Amino acid sequence: MKLLLLLLLNLHLYASDVLTNYRLHGIINMEKQMDLELSQEEYWKTQVAQRDTTFGYIESFSNVLACDKTQSALHLYSLDQNKTFQFRKKYSAFTGKLKGDKVKEGDLRTPTGIYQIVEKLSKETKLDPFYGPFAFVTSYPNVYDTYRGKNGSGIWIHGLPQQDRDEFTRGCIAINNSSIECLSNNIDISKTLLIIDESEIKKNIAKETLVSILAQLYAWRYAWIYDDIKSYLNFYASEFVRFDGMDREKFASYKTRIFQKGERKTIIFNDINVIPYPNSSDIYEISFKEFYKSDTFEFTGEKTLVVALDENRKIKILTEK
């Protein structure tokens, strides 16, 4: 009972502080203070503590497909009623004929990376029987692939033809037809993340690292909203290149011109995901839905940042889209 009373008292005092701030300084000052609070690790500790961080910090996916190329296996994990990723199925898989990460069209390698499933193909969509009853089209090449100069396309998860075939693919992930049918029945492609690694997928990501990255993401947002161009650009690596080829120097000039307008901005992030990048020790993919509105421009859509952690565990943005 005493604990409840103490909690209610603290809530009352907090509400009183908020009202006083509003009374003296208005809503804009309050918004700025709350935006600043979102960039503090204390807030994100409470958010991360409530999440299963087996694969990272995940808000928008309920299924994870983890492909281990060395073991030729595709594992399905799904959120249970406790919002915990539980192992559900293991599918034996064929991958590319050659080992290593895919670099270019026709190199017979399966890519290593983080992907989404963008389309489901079937006989109703005139899928070639060579690919079995279903095929799931992945988002290869992703923004980090493009940043590193990788090319090619048509990386799918698919079934097998009725006739005999080689025990490898040209770069896709192939599982037997009963497995692809099982997979089709068990996933919503819009809620499914695909992680492909050279060996076992990284698991049980350190919450402290995720807290730090999320706090820094919102510090970047704070600098963006309040036109702090120096702090904003400090989040970008010297080797930064935007998805469209704009390098850091041109990007800095472009953003400086925009910040100098002094426009009031609304920037909201939803469905945030922070995933450690396969086959790396310090690269993370951050994705989210962004709502941006200023006096002259409005955008709603998907945003992806690929960041590296420097020697001080500070994020440096390598590329974005």
Protein backbone atom coordinates (compact mmCIF):
# COMPACT_ATOMS: atom_id res chain seq x y z
CA MET A 1 0.00 0.00 0.00
CA LYS A 2 2.82 2.39 0.90
CA LEU A 3 4.53 1.63 -2.41
CA LEU A 4 1.33 2.43 -4.31
CA LEU A 5 0.91 5.71 -2.47
CA LEU A 6 4.53 6.63 -3.18
CA LEU A 7 4.03 5.85 -6.87
CA LEU A 8 0.89 7.97 -7.03
CA LEU A 9 2.68 10.82 -5.27
CA ASN A 10 5.57 10.66 -7.76
CA LEU A 11 3.14 10.66 -10.67
CA HIS A 12 1.34 13.64 -9.16
CA LEU A 13 4.60 15.53 -8.72
CA TYR A 14 5.65 14.68 -12.29
CA ALA A 15 2.29 15.88 -13.64
CA SER A 16 2.64 19.04 -11.58
CA ASP A 17 6.10 19.68 -13.05
CA VAL A 18 4.77 19.17 -16.56
CA LEU A 19 1.88 21.57 -15.96
CA THR A 20 4.18 24.16 -14.45
CA ASN A 21 6.55 23.90 -17.43
CA TYR A 22 3.59 24.30 -19.79
CA ARG A 23 2.21 27.26 -17.79
CA LEU A 24 5.52 29.11 -17.79
CA HIS A 25 7.01 28.21 -21.16
CA GLY A 26 4.33 26.79 -23.43
CA ILE A 27 4.04 23.60 -25.42
CA ILE A 28 7.09 24.14 -27.64
CA ASN A 29 9.41 24.19 -24.63
CA MET A 30 7.76 21.04 -23.30
CA GLU A 31 8.19 19.26 -26.63
CA LYS A 32 11.87 20.17 -26.70
CA GLN A 33 12.39 18.83 -23.18
CA MET A 34 10.61 15.56 -24.00
CA ASP A 35 12.58 15.20 -27.23
CA LEU A 36 15.74 15.56 -25.15
CA GLU A 37 14.53 12.94 -22.66
CA LEU A 38 14.08 10.47 -25.52
CA SER A 39 17.81 10.73 -26.20
CA GLN A 40 18.68 9.58 -22.67
CA GLU A 41 19.68 5.99 -21.90
CA GLU A 42 17.46 5.86 -18.80
CA TYR A 43 14.34 5.93 -20.94
CA TRP A 44 15.60 3.23 -23.31
CA LYS A 45 16.64 0.93 -20.47
CA THR A 46 12.96 0.56 -19.57
CA GLN A 47 11.98 -0.05 -23.21
CA VAL A 48 14.71 -2.61 -23.94
CA ALA A 49 14.07 -4.44 -20.67
CA GLN A 50 10.58 -5.29 -21.94
CA ARG A 51 11.84 -6.79 -25.22
CA ASP A 52 13.26 -10.15 -26.17
CA THR A 53 16.65 -9.20 -27.60
CA THR A 54 17.56 -12.63 -28.98
CA PHE A 55 18.17 -11.08 -32.42
CA GLY A 56 18.34 -7.40 -31.45
CA TYR A 57 15.74 -4.79 -30.63
CA ILE A 58 12.69 -5.64 -32.76
CA GLU A 59 9.38 -3.78 -32.82
CA SER A 60 7.93 -4.63 -36.23
CA PHE A 61 8.63 -8.34 -36.89
CA SER A 62 6.96 -11.38 -35.33
CA ASN A 63 8.99 -13.98 -37.26
CA VAL A 64 12.72 -14.37 -37.85
CA LEU A 65 14.13 -16.70 -40.50
CA ALA A 66 17.77 -17.43 -39.65
CA CYS A 67 19.82 -19.05 -42.42
CA ASP A 68 23.09 -20.71 -41.43
CA LYS A 69 24.95 -21.27 -44.70
CA THR A 70 27.64 -23.49 -43.16
CA GLN A 71 25.08 -25.88 -41.70
CA SER A 72 22.78 -25.61 -44.76
CA ALA A 73 19.84 -24.86 -42.47
CA LEU A 74 16.97 -22.39 -42.30
CA HIS A 75 15.49 -21.87 -38.82
CA LEU A 76 12.12 -20.28 -38.08
CA TYR A 77 11.59 -18.36 -34.82
CA SER A 78 8.26 -16.77 -33.88
CA LEU A 79 7.02 -14.61 -31.03
CA ASP A 80 4.95 -16.51 -28.49
CA GLN A 81 2.23 -15.16 -26.21
CA ASN A 82 4.94 -13.81 -23.90
CA LYS A 83 6.51 -11.85 -26.77
CA THR A 84 9.57 -14.12 -26.75
CA PHE A 85 11.15 -15.50 -29.92
CA GLN A 86 10.79 -19.27 -29.76
CA PHE A 87 12.34 -21.80 -32.13
CA ARG A 88 9.64 -23.43 -34.23
CA LYS A 89 11.09 -25.24 -37.24
CA LYS A 90 14.36 -26.27 -38.82
CA TYR A 91 14.41 -26.73 -42.60
CA SER A 92 17.32 -28.35 -44.42
CA ALA A 93 18.38 -25.92 -47.12
CA PHE A 94 20.43 -25.71 -50.29
CA THR A 95 22.39 -22.47 -50.75
CA GLY A 96 24.81 -21.14 -53.36
CA LYS A 97 27.28 -23.45 -55.06
CA LEU A 98 30.24 -21.33 -53.89
CA LYS A 99 31.01 -20.30 -50.33
CA GLY A 100 31.22 -16.70 -49.12
CA ASP A 101 29.16 -13.55 -49.51
CA LYS A 102 27.48 -12.65 -52.78
CA VAL A 103 29.21 -9.76 -54.57
CA LYS A 104 27.98 -9.72 -58.15
CA GLU A 105 25.43 -11.18 -60.53
CA GLY A 106 26.12 -14.80 -61.41
CA ASP A 107 28.79 -15.50 -58.79
CA LEU A 108 26.81 -18.52 -57.45
CA ARG A 109 26.93 -17.25 -53.85
CA THR A 110 24.13 -16.66 -51.35
CA PRO A 111 24.33 -13.17 -49.80
CA THR A 112 25.10 -12.55 -46.15
CA GLY A 113 22.89 -9.87 -44.64
CA ILE A 114 19.53 -8.70 -43.30
CA TYR A 115 16.56 -8.81 -45.65
CA GLN A 116 12.81 -8.55 -45.80
CA ILE A 117 10.45 -10.68 -47.86
CA VAL A 118 8.82 -8.40 -50.39
CA GLU A 119 6.63 -10.79 -52.38
CA LYS A 120 5.22 -14.32 -52.36
CA LEU A 121 5.03 -16.15 -55.69
CA SER A 122 2.96 -19.25 -56.47
CA LYS A 123 1.46 -21.13 -59.40
CA GLU A 124 -1.35 -18.57 -59.36
CA THR A 125 1.29 -15.96 -60.21
CA LYS A 126 2.73 -18.29 -62.90
CA LEU A 127 5.73 -19.38 -60.85
CA ASP A 128 7.99 -21.68 -62.87
CA PRO A 129 7.61 -25.29 -61.52
CA PHE A 130 11.41 -25.39 -61.18
CA TYR A 131 10.96 -23.34 -57.98
CA GLY A 132 8.36 -25.65 -56.43
CA PRO A 133 4.93 -24.52 -55.19
CA PHE A 134 6.05 -21.23 -53.60
CA ALA A 135 8.86 -18.70 -53.73
CA PHE A 136 9.53 -15.77 -51.42
CA VAL A 137 11.30 -12.82 -53.03
CA THR A 138 13.86 -11.12 -50.76
CA SER A 139 14.98 -7.49 -50.70
CA TYR A 140 18.53 -8.25 -51.89
CA PRO A 141 20.42 -6.04 -52.60
CA ASN A 142 19.72 -4.00 -49.47
CA VAL A 143 21.05 -0.53 -48.74
CA TYR A 144 24.28 -1.87 -47.19
CA ASP A 145 24.84 -4.18 -50.17
CA THR A 146 24.51 -1.19 -52.50
CA TYR A 147 26.86 0.87 -50.31
CA ARG A 148 29.52 -1.85 -50.69
CA GLY A 149 29.06 -2.09 -54.45
CA LYS A 150 27.34 -5.47 -54.48
CA ASN A 151 24.92 -6.19 -57.30
CA GLY A 152 22.68 -8.88 -58.70
CA SER A 153 19.04 -9.67 -57.93
CA GLY A 154 16.52 -12.49 -57.76
CA ILE A 155 17.51 -13.96 -54.40
CA TRP A 156 14.55 -16.09 -53.29
CA ILE A 157 13.58 -18.70 -50.75
CA HIS A 158 11.89 -21.35 -52.87
CA GLY A 159 10.95 -25.01 -53.23
CA LEU A 160 12.33 -27.71 -55.52
CA PRO A 161 11.44 -29.11 -58.93
CA GLN A 162 9.95 -32.60 -59.21
CA GLN A 163 12.93 -33.90 -61.19
CA ASP A 164 16.39 -34.48 -59.74
CA ARG A 165 18.53 -31.40 -59.22
CA ASP A 166 21.94 -30.34 -57.93
CA GLU A 167 22.40 -29.95 -54.18
CA PHE A 168 23.17 -26.26 -54.48
CA THR A 169 21.61 -23.12 -55.97
CA ARG A 170 22.83 -20.15 -57.98
CA GLY A 171 22.46 -17.99 -54.86
CA CYS A 172 18.94 -18.62 -53.58
CA ILE A 173 17.88 -20.59 -50.49
CA ALA A 174 15.99 -23.76 -51.52
CA ILE A 175 14.06 -26.07 -49.19
CA ASN A 176 11.94 -29.09 -50.05
CA ASN A 177 8.35 -28.60 -51.14
CA SER A 178 6.68 -29.81 -47.96
CA SER A 179 8.90 -27.35 -46.05
CA ILE A 180 8.08 -24.39 -48.31
CA GLU A 181 4.39 -25.19 -47.91
CA CYS A 182 4.84 -25.36 -44.13
CA LEU A 183 6.69 -22.05 -44.19
CA SER A 184 3.97 -20.47 -46.32
CA ASN A 185 1.38 -21.51 -43.74
CA ASN A 186 3.35 -20.19 -40.77
CA ILE A 187 4.53 -16.69 -41.70
CA ASP A 188 3.10 -13.33 -42.63
CA ILE A 189 5.71 -12.03 -45.08
CA SER A 190 5.17 -8.42 -43.97
CA LYS A 191 6.12 -9.45 -40.42
CA THR A 192 9.09 -11.68 -41.27
CA LEU A 193 12.78 -10.79 -41.08
CA LEU A 194 15.42 -12.86 -42.90
CA ILE A 195 18.96 -12.99 -41.50
CA ILE A 196 21.59 -14.87 -43.52
CA ASP A 197 25.01 -15.56 -42.00
CA GLU A 198 28.09 -17.57 -42.90
CA SER A 199 27.54 -19.65 -39.76
CA GLU A 200 25.23 -19.57 -36.74
CA ILE A 201 23.20 -16.37 -36.39
CA LYS A 202 24.21 -14.05 -33.54
CA LYS A 203 21.85 -14.39 -30.58
CA ASN A 204 21.18 -12.79 -27.19
CA ILE A 205 22.35 -9.32 -28.13
CA ALA A 206 23.66 -7.23 -25.21
CA LYS A 207 20.90 -4.96 -23.96
CA GLU A 208 23.44 -2.30 -22.96
CA THR A 209 24.57 -1.96 -26.57
CA LEU A 210 21.00 -1.69 -27.83
CA VAL A 211 20.16 0.93 -25.20
CA SER A 212 23.16 3.01 -26.28
CA ILE A 213 22.29 2.79 -29.98
CA LEU A 214 18.63 3.71 -29.42
CA ALA A 215 19.55 6.69 -27.23
CA GLN A 216 22.00 7.89 -29.89
CA LEU A 217 19.37 7.42 -32.61
CA TYR A 218 17.16 9.86 -30.74
CA ALA A 219 20.08 12.22 -30.09
CA TRP A 220 20.51 12.29 -33.89
CA ARG A 221 16.78 13.00 -34.20
CA TYR A 222 17.05 15.79 -31.59
CA ALA A 223 19.86 17.50 -33.52
CA TRP A 224 17.80 17.14 -36.70
CA ILE A 225 14.63 18.65 -35.22
CA TYR A 226 16.40 21.57 -33.58
CA ASP A 227 18.79 22.44 -36.43
CA ASP A 228 22.01 21.63 -34.61
CA ILE A 229 23.97 21.00 -37.80
CA LYS A 230 27.30 20.38 -36.06
CA SER A 231 25.91 17.68 -33.76
CA TYR A 232 23.83 16.22 -36.58
CA LEU A 233 26.73 15.82 -39.00
CA ASN A 234 28.92 14.40 -36.24
CA PHE A 235 26.80 11.25 -36.44
CA TYR A 236 27.98 10.64 -40.02
CA ALA A 237 31.13 8.71 -40.85
CA SER A 238 33.74 10.32 -43.08
CA GLU A 239 33.14 7.48 -45.56
CA PHE A 240 29.35 8.06 -45.58
CA VAL A 241 27.60 7.68 -48.92
CA ARG A 242 23.83 8.01 -49.21
CA PHE A 243 21.84 5.37 -51.14
CA ASP A 244 21.75 7.62 -54.22
CA GLY A 245 25.53 8.11 -54.28
CA MET A 246 25.71 11.48 -52.46
CA ASP A 247 28.97 11.57 -50.47
CA ARG A 248 29.43 13.19 -47.06
CA GLU A 249 30.73 16.52 -48.34
CA LYS A 250 27.78 17.08 -50.66
CA PHE A 251 25.37 15.72 -48.05
CA ALA A 252 26.74 18.17 -45.45
CA SER A 253 26.26 21.13 -47.81
CA TYR A 254 22.74 19.99 -48.68
CA LYS A 255 21.70 19.55 -45.04
CA THR A 256 23.31 22.84 -43.98
CA ARG A 257 21.14 24.70 -46.50
CA ILE A 258 18.02 22.98 -45.18
CA PHE A 259 18.85 23.61 -41.52
CA GLN A 260 19.49 27.29 -42.22
CA LYS A 261 15.84 27.69 -43.21
CA GLY A 262 14.92 27.29 -39.53
CA GLU A 263 11.67 25.50 -40.33
CA ARG A 264 9.66 23.92 -37.54
CA LYS A 265 9.79 20.14 -37.97
CA THR A 266 7.84 17.15 -36.73
CA ILE A 267 9.79 13.87 -36.86
CA ILE A 268 8.28 10.65 -35.49
CA PHE A 269 9.80 7.16 -35.57
CA ASN A 270 7.70 4.00 -35.25
CA ASP A 271 8.39 0.25 -35.60
CA ILE A 272 12.08 0.56 -34.76
CA ASN A 273 14.45 -2.38 -35.30
CA VAL A 274 18.13 -2.52 -34.36
CA ILE A 275 19.83 -5.66 -35.69
CA PRO A 276 23.53 -6.56 -35.52
CA TYR A 277 24.79 -7.15 -39.04
CA PRO A 278 25.86 -10.73 -39.82
CA ASN A 279 29.55 -11.51 -40.17
CA SER A 280 30.59 -8.26 -38.46
CA SER A 281 31.44 -7.15 -34.94
CA ASP A 282 30.43 -3.49 -34.98
CA ILE A 283 27.91 -2.91 -37.79
CA TYR A 284 24.19 -2.52 -37.06
CA GLU A 285 21.16 -1.98 -39.27
CA ILE A 286 18.55 0.41 -37.86
CA SER A 287 15.18 0.51 -39.62
CA PHE A 288 11.95 2.31 -38.75
CA LYS A 289 8.89 4.01 -40.16
CA GLU A 290 9.45 7.76 -40.35
CA PHE A 291 6.93 10.59 -40.41
CA TYR A 292 8.56 13.90 -41.33
CA LYS A 293 6.80 17.21 -41.79
CA SER A 294 8.18 20.72 -42.18
CA ASP A 295 6.81 23.94 -43.65
CA THR A 296 7.85 22.87 -47.16
CA PHE A 297 8.10 19.06 -47.21
CA GLU A 298 6.30 15.98 -45.92
CA PHE A 299 7.36 12.32 -45.97
CA THR A 300 5.97 9.07 -44.59
CA GLY A 301 7.81 5.83 -45.28
CA GLU A 302 10.54 3.35 -44.44
CA LYS A 303 13.96 4.56 -43.31
CA THR A 304 17.14 2.51 -42.97
CA LEU A 305 20.45 3.51 -41.41
CA VAL A 306 23.54 1.33 -41.39
CA VAL A 307 25.85 2.37 -38.56
CA ALA A 308 29.27 1.39 -37.28
CA LEU A 309 30.24 1.67 -33.62
CA ASP A 310 33.54 3.50 -33.22
CA GLU A 311 36.16 2.84 -30.52
CA ASN A 312 34.05 4.86 -28.04
CA ARG A 313 30.87 2.92 -28.95
CA LYS A 314 29.45 5.96 -30.71
CA ILE A 315 27.38 5.37 -33.82
CA LYS A 316 28.67 6.58 -37.17
CA ILE A 317 26.23 6.41 -40.06
CA LEU A 318 27.79 4.71 -43.09
CA THR A 319 24.76 4.92 -45.38
CA GLU A 320 21.04 5.66 -45.24
CA LYS A 321 17.93 5.41 -47.34
